[in-house]
Amino acid sequence: MKVFVGVVLSFGLATAARAAEPQGHPDLSGVWWSKQKVAAVRPVEGAAIPFTAAGAAQYAKNKPVIREIDSKLPALHAVKRCLPQGVPRVWGSGLPFQIFQRPEEVVIAYEQDHIRRFVYMDEKLDADAADPGYMGSSVGHWDGGALVIDSGAYKPTYLDNSGLPHGDKLKVTERLRKIDGKTLEVLTTIDDPEMYSKPWTVRYTFALHPEEQIQDYMCGVGIVQSRFGTEGAVLKLRHHGS
């Protein structure tokens, strides 16, 4: 995998934006936003989630845990509240994200938790060799007008805000395509034989917002600060001697 050096992040993202329509592929760059938060995902065909027995049991265990996490603001004993959300959960955050597109990589900058996701183009996914991460390890390729992202090697997290579980061998395939000039469709297929009896797909749509910029988001001990304001105890910093 390529290493993206943090100190050149701003320069690299700006370069990606300028080269947003590489080699004739669709231009997915820009700020996209669905202002509707998706707390609980369901398969696109409207069917029930195809749990295995292990998946149903784990889901039942997760529900009270995630309710406890969401019932209070972050504290020292509740650090899970500030962990990256993973996919597909992050797509339903209700906050915008920005896509930067280059021939060799696509960068997705989510406002939620300031997550930066790097999709390396035309490389082979080796989930067994990759270091696990909350956003997984992602590679991409073009299939006609769709950007296809294959991801694996996930740390334990949830698939949505209701606590849907996943196992160690979770594989996620996302298809990003414009369905018109200002609408982005993201089809996310969950393939996890430990928790689900068959692959199933979730659909999200986002509107293009060229007037928007990614804003600050901070999650810490006892406080969340976002574009929607501040929740929790604001730490009042005092200068020495004041």
C-alpha atoms as a PDB file:
ATOM      1  CA  MET A   1       0.000   0.000   0.000  1.00  0.00           C
ATOM      2  CA  LYS A   2       1.132   3.542  -0.683  1.00  0.00           C
ATOM      3  CA  VAL A   3       1.885   5.834   2.252  1.00  0.00           C
ATOM      4  CA  PHE A   4       0.114   9.196   2.247  1.00  0.00           C
ATOM      5  CA  VAL A   5       2.268  11.558   4.307  1.00  0.00           C
ATOM      6  CA  GLY A   6       0.187  13.676   6.673  1.00  0.00           C
ATOM      7  CA  VAL A   7       2.197  16.870   6.231  1.00  0.00           C
ATOM      8  CA  VAL A   8       1.297  17.059   2.540  1.00  0.00           C
ATOM      9  CA  LEU A   9      -2.371  16.211   3.044  1.00  0.00           C
ATOM     10  CA  SER A  10      -3.688  19.670   2.193  1.00  0.00           C
ATOM     11  CA  PHE A  11      -1.557  19.912  -0.934  1.00  0.00           C
ATOM     12  CA  GLY A  12      -2.521  16.412  -2.020  1.00  0.00           C
ATOM     13  CA  LEU A  13      -6.235  17.007  -1.544  1.00  0.00           C
ATOM     14  CA  ALA A  14      -6.071  20.255  -3.487  1.00  0.00           C
ATOM     15  CA  THR A  15      -4.239  18.489  -6.298  1.00  0.00           C
ATOM     16  CA  ALA A  16      -6.883  15.759  -6.265  1.00  0.00           C
ATOM     17  CA  ALA A  17      -9.631  18.333  -6.646  1.00  0.00           C
ATOM     18  CA  ARG A  18      -7.908  19.906  -9.658  1.00  0.00           C
ATOM     19  CA  ALA A  19      -7.513  16.503 -11.303  1.00  0.00           C
ATOM     20  CA  ALA A  20     -11.086  15.503 -10.555  1.00  0.00           C
ATOM     21  CA  GLU A  21     -11.989  13.920 -13.873  1.00  0.00           C
ATOM     22  CA  PRO A  22      -9.119  11.503 -14.564  1.00  0.00           C
ATOM     23  CA  GLN A  23      -8.929   9.533 -17.799  1.00  0.00           C
ATOM     24  CA  GLY A  24     -12.543  10.148 -18.759  1.00  0.00           C
ATOM     25  CA  HIS A  25     -14.092   8.611 -15.645  1.00  0.00           C
ATOM     26  CA  PRO A  26     -17.107  10.296 -14.026  1.00  0.00           C
ATOM     27  CA  ASP A  27     -16.284  13.213 -11.760  1.00  0.00           C
ATOM     28  CA  LEU A  28     -17.461  12.338  -8.250  1.00  0.00           C
ATOM     29  CA  SER A  29     -15.506  15.115  -6.551  1.00  0.00           C
ATOM     30  CA  GLY A  30     -17.185  17.700  -4.363  1.00  0.00           C
ATOM     31  CA  VAL A  31     -19.122  17.977  -1.113  1.00  0.00           C
ATOM     32  CA  TRP A  32     -22.067  15.583  -0.810  1.00  0.00           C
ATOM     33  CA  TRP A  33     -24.693  15.633   1.905  1.00  0.00           C
ATOM     34  CA  SER A  34     -27.836  13.862   2.930  1.00  0.00           C
ATOM     35  CA  LYS A  35     -29.218  15.868   5.814  1.00  0.00           C
ATOM     36  CA  GLN A  36     -31.274  12.897   6.971  1.00  0.00           C
ATOM     37  CA  LYS A  37     -29.496  10.733   9.525  1.00  0.00           C
ATOM     38  CA  VAL A  38     -29.885   6.978   8.987  1.00  0.00           C
ATOM     39  CA  ALA A  39     -29.876   5.347  12.414  1.00  0.00           C
ATOM     40  CA  ALA A  40     -30.888   1.823  11.381  1.00  0.00           C
ATOM     41  CA  VAL A  41     -30.126   0.320   7.971  1.00  0.00           C
ATOM     42  CA  ARG A  42     -32.321  -2.128   6.063  1.00  0.00           C
ATOM     43  CA  PRO A  43     -31.793  -4.118   2.853  1.00  0.00           C
ATOM     44  CA  VAL A  44     -32.723  -2.276  -0.339  1.00  0.00           C
ATOM     45  CA  GLU A  45     -35.394  -4.808  -1.290  1.00  0.00           C
ATOM     46  CA  GLY A  46     -37.218  -4.209   1.995  1.00  0.00           C
ATOM     47  CA  ALA A  47     -36.670  -7.734   3.266  1.00  0.00           C
ATOM     48  CA  ALA A  48     -35.623  -8.593   6.803  1.00  0.00           C
ATOM     49  CA  ILE A  49     -31.936  -8.519   7.653  1.00  0.00           C
ATOM     50  CA  PRO A  50     -30.679 -12.094   7.027  1.00  0.00           C
ATOM     51  CA  PHE A  51     -29.130 -12.828  10.421  1.00  0.00           C
ATOM     52  CA  THR A  52     -27.412 -16.074  11.232  1.00  0.00           C
ATOM     53  CA  ALA A  53     -28.124 -17.420  14.702  1.00  0.00           C
ATOM     54  CA  ALA A  54     -24.817 -15.929  15.877  1.00  0.00           C
ATOM     55  CA  GLY A  55     -25.659 -12.584  14.282  1.00  0.00           C
ATOM     56  CA  ALA A  56     -29.090 -12.366  15.900  1.00  0.00           C
ATOM     57  CA  ALA A  57     -27.618 -13.217  19.298  1.00  0.00           C
ATOM     58  CA  GLN A  58     -24.868 -10.613  18.956  1.00  0.00           C
ATOM     59  CA  TYR A  59     -27.350  -7.974  17.825  1.00  0.00           C
ATOM     60  CA  ALA A  60     -29.427  -8.595  20.933  1.00  0.00           C
ATOM     61  CA  LYS A  61     -26.315  -8.095  23.059  1.00  0.00           C
ATOM     62  CA  ASN A  62     -25.280  -4.931  21.200  1.00  0.00           C
ATOM     63  CA  LYS A  63     -28.569  -3.057  21.538  1.00  0.00           C
ATOM     64  CA  PRO A  64     -28.280  -2.149  25.237  1.00  0.00           C
ATOM     65  CA  VAL A  65     -24.567  -1.406  24.845  1.00  0.00           C
ATOM     66  CA  ILE A  66     -25.063   1.107  22.069  1.00  0.00           C
ATOM     67  CA  ARG A  67     -28.030   2.669  23.890  1.00  0.00           C
ATOM     68  CA  GLU A  68     -25.747   3.269  26.863  1.00  0.00           C
ATOM     69  CA  ILE A  69     -23.062   4.808  24.642  1.00  0.00           C
ATOM     70  CA  ASP A  70     -25.594   7.140  23.015  1.00  0.00           C
ATOM     71  CA  SER A  71     -27.405   8.033  26.225  1.00  0.00           C
ATOM     72  CA  LYS A  72     -24.653  10.253  27.565  1.00  0.00           C
ATOM     73  CA  LEU A  73     -21.843  12.384  26.243  1.00  0.00           C
ATOM     74  CA  PRO A  74     -18.309  10.986  26.040  1.00  0.00           C
ATOM     75  CA  ALA A  75     -16.588  10.223  29.303  1.00  0.00           C
ATOM     76  CA  LEU A  76     -13.358   8.489  30.253  1.00  0.00           C
ATOM     77  CA  HIS A  77     -15.229   5.204  30.626  1.00  0.00           C
ATOM     78  CA  ALA A  78     -17.168   5.646  27.349  1.00  0.00           C
ATOM     79  CA  VAL A  79     -14.445   6.179  24.749  1.00  0.00           C
ATOM     80  CA  LYS A  80     -16.398   4.097  22.205  1.00  0.00           C
ATOM     81  CA  ARG A  81     -18.530   7.190  21.589  1.00  0.00           C
ATOM     82  CA  CYS A  82     -15.556   8.856  19.850  1.00  0.00           C
ATOM     83  CA  LEU A  83     -14.288   5.939  17.765  1.00  0.00           C
ATOM     84  CA  PRO A  84     -14.542   6.101  13.950  1.00  0.00           C
ATOM     85  CA  GLN A  85     -17.899   4.730  12.857  1.00  0.00           C
ATOM     86  CA  GLY A  86     -16.828   2.408  10.053  1.00  0.00           C
ATOM     87  CA  VAL A  87     -18.928   1.535   7.003  1.00  0.00           C
ATOM     88  CA  PRO A  88     -21.720   1.588   6.182  1.00  0.00           C
ATOM     89  CA  ARG A  89     -22.492   3.446   9.427  1.00  0.00           C
ATOM     90  CA  VAL A  90     -20.567   6.604   8.516  1.00  0.00           C
ATOM     91  CA  TRP A  91     -22.666   7.104   5.357  1.00  0.00           C
ATOM     92  CA  GLY A  92     -25.728   7.606   7.560  1.00  0.00           C
ATOM     93  CA  SER A  93     -24.168  10.162   9.931  1.00  0.00           C
ATOM     94  CA  GLY A  94     -26.250  13.079   8.635  1.00  0.00           C
ATOM     95  CA  LEU A  95     -23.049  15.077   8.102  1.00  0.00           C
ATOM     96  CA  PRO A  96     -21.432  15.929   4.747  1.00  0.00           C
ATOM     97  CA  PHE A  97     -18.347  14.392   3.169  1.00  0.00           C
ATOM     98  CA  GLN A  98     -16.031  15.459   0.367  1.00  0.00           C
ATOM     99  CA  ILE A  99     -14.582  13.304  -2.402  1.00  0.00           C
ATOM    100  CA  PHE A 100     -11.170  14.061  -3.916  1.00  0.00           C
ATOM    101  CA  GLN A 101     -10.444  12.049  -7.036  1.00  0.00           C
ATOM    102  CA  ARG A 102      -7.155  11.174  -8.722  1.00  0.00           C
ATOM    103  CA  PRO A 103      -6.236   8.343 -11.103  1.00  0.00           C
ATOM    104  CA  GLU A 104      -4.223   6.462  -8.468  1.00  0.00           C
ATOM    105  CA  GLU A 105      -6.384   7.103  -5.397  1.00  0.00           C
ATOM    106  CA  VAL A 106      -9.677   8.512  -4.173  1.00  0.00           C
ATOM    107  CA  VAL A 107      -9.820  10.289  -0.807  1.00  0.00           C
ATOM    108  CA  ILE A 108     -13.112  10.600   1.075  1.00  0.00           C
ATOM    109  CA  ALA A 109     -13.069  13.214   3.841  1.00  0.00           C
ATOM    110  CA  TYR A 110     -16.010  12.695   6.198  1.00  0.00           C
ATOM    111  CA  GLU A 111     -16.975  15.538   8.524  1.00  0.00           C
ATOM    112  CA  GLN A 112     -18.026  12.950  11.109  1.00  0.00           C
ATOM    113  CA  ASP A 113     -15.035  12.545  13.464  1.00  0.00           C
ATOM    114  CA  HIS A 114     -12.795  14.055  10.735  1.00  0.00           C
ATOM    115  CA  ILE A 115     -12.382  10.588   9.228  1.00  0.00           C
ATOM    116  CA  ARG A 116     -10.090  10.446   6.177  1.00  0.00           C
ATOM    117  CA  ARG A 117     -10.468   7.372   4.002  1.00  0.00           C
ATOM    118  CA  PHE A 118      -7.968   6.453   1.273  1.00  0.00           C
ATOM    119  CA  VAL A 119      -9.079   4.204  -1.597  1.00  0.00           C
ATOM    120  CA  TYR A 120      -6.142   2.923  -3.653  1.00  0.00           C
ATOM    121  CA  MET A 121      -7.109   2.380  -7.266  1.00  0.00           C
ATOM    122  CA  ASP A 122      -6.441  -0.763  -9.286  1.00  0.00           C
ATOM    123  CA  GLU A 123      -4.763  -2.605  -6.436  1.00  0.00           C
ATOM    124  CA  LYS A 124      -5.684  -6.014  -5.048  1.00  0.00           C
ATOM    125  CA  LEU A 125      -7.370  -6.231  -1.657  1.00  0.00           C
ATOM    126  CA  ASP A 126      -5.484  -8.514   0.721  1.00  0.00           C
ATOM    127  CA  ALA A 127      -7.568  -8.277   3.865  1.00  0.00           C
ATOM    128  CA  ASP A 128      -5.595 -11.041   5.599  1.00  0.00           C
ATOM    129  CA  ALA A 129      -2.331  -9.114   5.273  1.00  0.00           C
ATOM    130  CA  ALA A 130      -3.688  -5.617   6.000  1.00  0.00           C
ATOM    131  CA  ASP A 131      -3.647  -4.106   9.476  1.00  0.00           C
ATOM    132  CA  PRO A 132      -7.240  -3.907  10.770  1.00  0.00           C
ATOM    133  CA  GLY A 133      -8.767  -0.422  10.960  1.00  0.00           C
ATOM    134  CA  TYR A 134     -12.131   1.082  11.841  1.00  0.00           C
ATOM    135  CA  MET A 135     -12.621   2.125   8.203  1.00  0.00           C
ATOM    136  CA  GLY A 136     -11.028  -1.064   6.910  1.00  0.00           C
ATOM    137  CA  SER A 137      -8.519  -1.348   4.095  1.00  0.00           C
ATOM    138  CA  SER A 138      -9.936  -0.141   0.763  1.00  0.00           C
ATOM    139  CA  VAL A 139      -9.092  -0.584  -2.909  1.00  0.00           C
ATOM    140  CA  GLY A 140     -11.079   0.645  -5.886  1.00  0.00           C
ATOM    141  CA  HIS A 141     -11.702   0.227  -9.592  1.00  0.00           C
ATOM    142  CA  TRP A 142     -14.072   1.633 -12.207  1.00  0.00           C
ATOM    143  CA  ASP A 143     -16.938  -0.436 -13.556  1.00  0.00           C
ATOM    144  CA  GLY A 144     -18.393   1.708 -16.311  1.00  0.00           C
ATOM    145  CA  GLY A 145     -19.723   4.810 -14.585  1.00  0.00           C
ATOM    146  CA  ALA A 146     -19.469   3.371 -11.061  1.00  0.00           C
ATOM    147  CA  LEU A 147     -16.578   3.621  -8.627  1.00  0.00           C
ATOM    148  CA  VAL A 148     -16.397   0.209  -6.925  1.00  0.00           C
ATOM    149  CA  ILE A 149     -14.696   0.088  -3.514  1.00  0.00           C
ATOM    150  CA  ASP A 150     -13.789  -3.253  -1.946  1.00  0.00           C
ATOM    151  CA  SER A 151     -12.888  -3.170   1.738  1.00  0.00           C
ATOM    152  CA  GLY A 152     -11.891  -5.609   4.449  1.00  0.00           C
ATOM    153  CA  ALA A 153      -9.732  -5.895   7.598  1.00  0.00           C
ATOM    154  CA  TYR A 154     -12.091  -4.153  10.031  1.00  0.00           C
ATOM    155  CA  LYS A 155     -11.700  -3.544  13.737  1.00  0.00           C
ATOM    156  CA  PRO A 156     -14.823  -4.331  15.793  1.00  0.00           C
ATOM    157  CA  THR A 157     -17.501  -1.675  15.408  1.00  0.00           C
ATOM    158  CA  TYR A 158     -21.172  -1.497  14.390  1.00  0.00           C
ATOM    159  CA  LEU A 159     -22.790  -1.369  10.949  1.00  0.00           C
ATOM    160  CA  ASP A 160     -25.331   1.235  12.068  1.00  0.00           C
ATOM    161  CA  ASN A 161     -26.491   3.169  15.121  1.00  0.00           C
ATOM    162  CA  SER A 162     -28.770   0.348  16.255  1.00  0.00           C
ATOM    163  CA  GLY A 163     -25.803  -1.953  16.923  1.00  0.00           C
ATOM    164  CA  LEU A 164     -25.814  -4.269  13.903  1.00  0.00           C
ATOM    165  CA  PRO A 165     -22.773  -6.518  14.390  1.00  0.00           C
ATOM    166  CA  HIS A 166     -20.059  -7.756  12.081  1.00  0.00           C
ATOM    167  CA  GLY A 167     -17.492 -10.530  12.296  1.00  0.00           C
ATOM    168  CA  ASP A 168     -13.752 -10.687  11.681  1.00  0.00           C
ATOM    169  CA  LYS A 169     -14.163 -11.597   7.998  1.00  0.00           C
ATOM    170  CA  LEU A 170     -16.501  -8.762   7.014  1.00  0.00           C
ATOM    171  CA  LYS A 171     -16.126  -7.665   3.392  1.00  0.00           C
ATOM    172  CA  VAL A 172     -17.866  -4.541   2.122  1.00  0.00           C
ATOM    173  CA  THR A 173     -18.390  -3.597  -1.527  1.00  0.00           C
ATOM    174  CA  GLU A 174     -19.567  -0.064  -2.300  1.00  0.00           C
ATOM    175  CA  ARG A 175     -20.695   1.216  -5.686  1.00  0.00           C
ATOM    176  CA  LEU A 176     -20.668   5.007  -6.015  1.00  0.00           C
ATOM    177  CA  ARG A 177     -22.288   6.522  -9.089  1.00  0.00           C
ATOM    178  CA  LYS A 178     -24.060   9.655 -10.145  1.00  0.00           C
ATOM    179  CA  ILE A 179     -27.696   9.042 -10.957  1.00  0.00           C
ATOM    180  CA  ASP A 180     -27.940  12.594 -12.224  1.00  0.00           C
ATOM    181  CA  GLY A 181     -25.593  15.563 -12.205  1.00  0.00           C
ATOM    182  CA  LYS A 182     -26.328  16.459  -8.587  1.00  0.00           C
ATOM    183  CA  THR A 183     -27.198  13.131  -6.930  1.00  0.00           C
ATOM    184  CA  LEU A 184     -24.769  10.457  -5.762  1.00  0.00           C
ATOM    185  CA  GLU A 185     -25.969   6.910  -5.084  1.00  0.00           C
ATOM    186  CA  VAL A 186     -23.978   4.647  -2.769  1.00  0.00           C
ATOM    187  CA  LEU A 187     -24.918   0.958  -2.788  1.00  0.00           C
ATOM    188  CA  THR A 188     -23.186  -0.875   0.062  1.00  0.00           C
ATOM    189  CA  THR A 189     -23.131  -4.675   0.098  1.00  0.00           C
ATOM    190  CA  ILE A 190     -22.401  -6.471   3.381  1.00  0.00           C
ATOM    191  CA  ASP A 191     -20.755  -9.890   3.021  1.00  0.00           C
ATOM    192  CA  ASP A 192     -20.245 -11.469   6.445  1.00  0.00           C
ATOM    193  CA  PRO A 193     -21.014 -15.205   6.636  1.00  0.00           C
ATOM    194  CA  GLU A 194     -20.527 -15.290  10.406  1.00  0.00           C
ATOM    195  CA  MET A 195     -23.298 -12.788  11.174  1.00  0.00           C
ATOM    196  CA  TYR A 196     -25.488 -12.924   8.028  1.00  0.00           C
ATOM    197  CA  SER A 197     -26.732 -15.877   6.019  1.00  0.00           C
ATOM    198  CA  LYS A 198     -26.233 -14.095   2.684  1.00  0.00           C
ATOM    199  CA  PRO A 199     -24.874 -10.790   1.351  1.00  0.00           C
ATOM    200  CA  TRP A 200     -27.280  -7.866   1.582  1.00  0.00           C
ATOM    201  CA  THR A 201     -27.244  -4.290   0.281  1.00  0.00           C
ATOM    202  CA  VAL A 202     -28.034  -0.870   1.735  1.00  0.00           C
ATOM    203  CA  ARG A 203     -28.737   2.200  -0.432  1.00  0.00           C
ATOM    204  CA  TYR A 204     -27.875   5.823   0.348  1.00  0.00           C
ATOM    205  CA  THR A 205     -28.315   8.939  -1.787  1.00  0.00           C
ATOM    206  CA  PHE A 206     -26.599  12.305  -1.383  1.00  0.00           C
ATOM    207  CA  ALA A 207     -27.054  15.727  -2.979  1.00  0.00           C
ATOM    208  CA  LEU A 208     -24.169  17.811  -4.304  1.00  0.00           C
ATOM    209  CA  HIS A 209     -23.543  20.942  -2.213  1.00  0.00           C
ATOM    210  CA  PRO A 210     -20.867  23.039  -3.973  1.00  0.00           C
ATOM    211  CA  GLU A 211     -21.531  25.904  -1.554  1.00  0.00           C
ATOM    212  CA  GLU A 212     -20.551  23.809   1.482  1.00  0.00           C
ATOM    213  CA  GLN A 213     -17.197  23.110   3.111  1.00  0.00           C
ATOM    214  CA  ILE A 214     -16.218  20.420   5.592  1.00  0.00           C
ATOM    215  CA  GLN A 215     -16.349  21.938   9.074  1.00  0.00           C
ATOM    216  CA  ASP A 216     -14.810  21.095  12.432  1.00  0.00           C
ATOM    217  CA  TYR A 217     -16.032  18.099  14.393  1.00  0.00           C
ATOM    218  CA  MET A 218     -14.593  17.309  17.802  1.00  0.00           C
ATOM    219  CA  CYS A 219     -15.487  14.444  20.105  1.00  0.00           C
ATOM    220  CA  GLY A 220     -13.770  14.328  23.480  1.00  0.00           C
ATOM    221  CA  VAL A 221     -14.268  13.754  27.161  1.00  0.00           C
ATOM    222  CA  GLY A 222     -17.686  15.152  28.010  1.00  0.00           C
ATOM    223  CA  ILE A 223     -18.149  17.241  24.877  1.00  0.00           C
ATOM    224  CA  VAL A 224     -19.150  17.047  21.213  1.00  0.00           C
ATOM    225  CA  GLN A 225     -18.646  20.065  18.971  1.00  0.00           C
ATOM    226  CA  SER A 226     -20.032  20.062  15.433  1.00  0.00           C
ATOM    227  CA  ARG A 227     -21.747  22.324  12.907  1.00  0.00           C
ATOM    228  CA  PHE A 228     -24.900  21.818  14.963  1.00  0.00           C
ATOM    229  CA  GLY A 229     -23.396  23.398  18.079  1.00  0.00           C
ATOM    230  CA  THR A 230     -21.830  22.210  21.320  1.00  0.00           C
ATOM    231  CA  GLU A 231     -23.145  19.471  23.564  1.00  0.00           C
ATOM    232  CA  GLY A 232     -21.843  18.747  27.017  1.00  0.00           C
ATOM    233  CA  ALA A 233     -19.532  20.525  29.396  1.00  0.00           C
ATOM    234  CA  VAL A 234     -17.392  23.189  27.751  1.00  0.00           C
ATOM    235  CA  LEU A 235     -13.913  23.225  29.215  1.00  0.00           C
ATOM    236  CA  LYS A 236     -13.063  26.787  30.224  1.00  0.00           C
ATOM    237  CA  LEU A 237      -9.360  27.317  29.699  1.00  0.00           C
ATOM    238  CA  ARG A 238      -7.779  30.016  31.819  1.00  0.00           C
ATOM    239  CA  HIS A 239      -4.493  31.759  31.156  1.00  0.00           C
ATOM    240  CA  HIS A 240      -1.894  31.505  33.873  1.00  0.00           C
ATOM    241  CA  GLY A 241      -2.385  34.261  36.416  1.00  0.00           C
ATOM    242  CA  SER A 242      -5.910  35.231  35.263  1.00  0.00           C
END
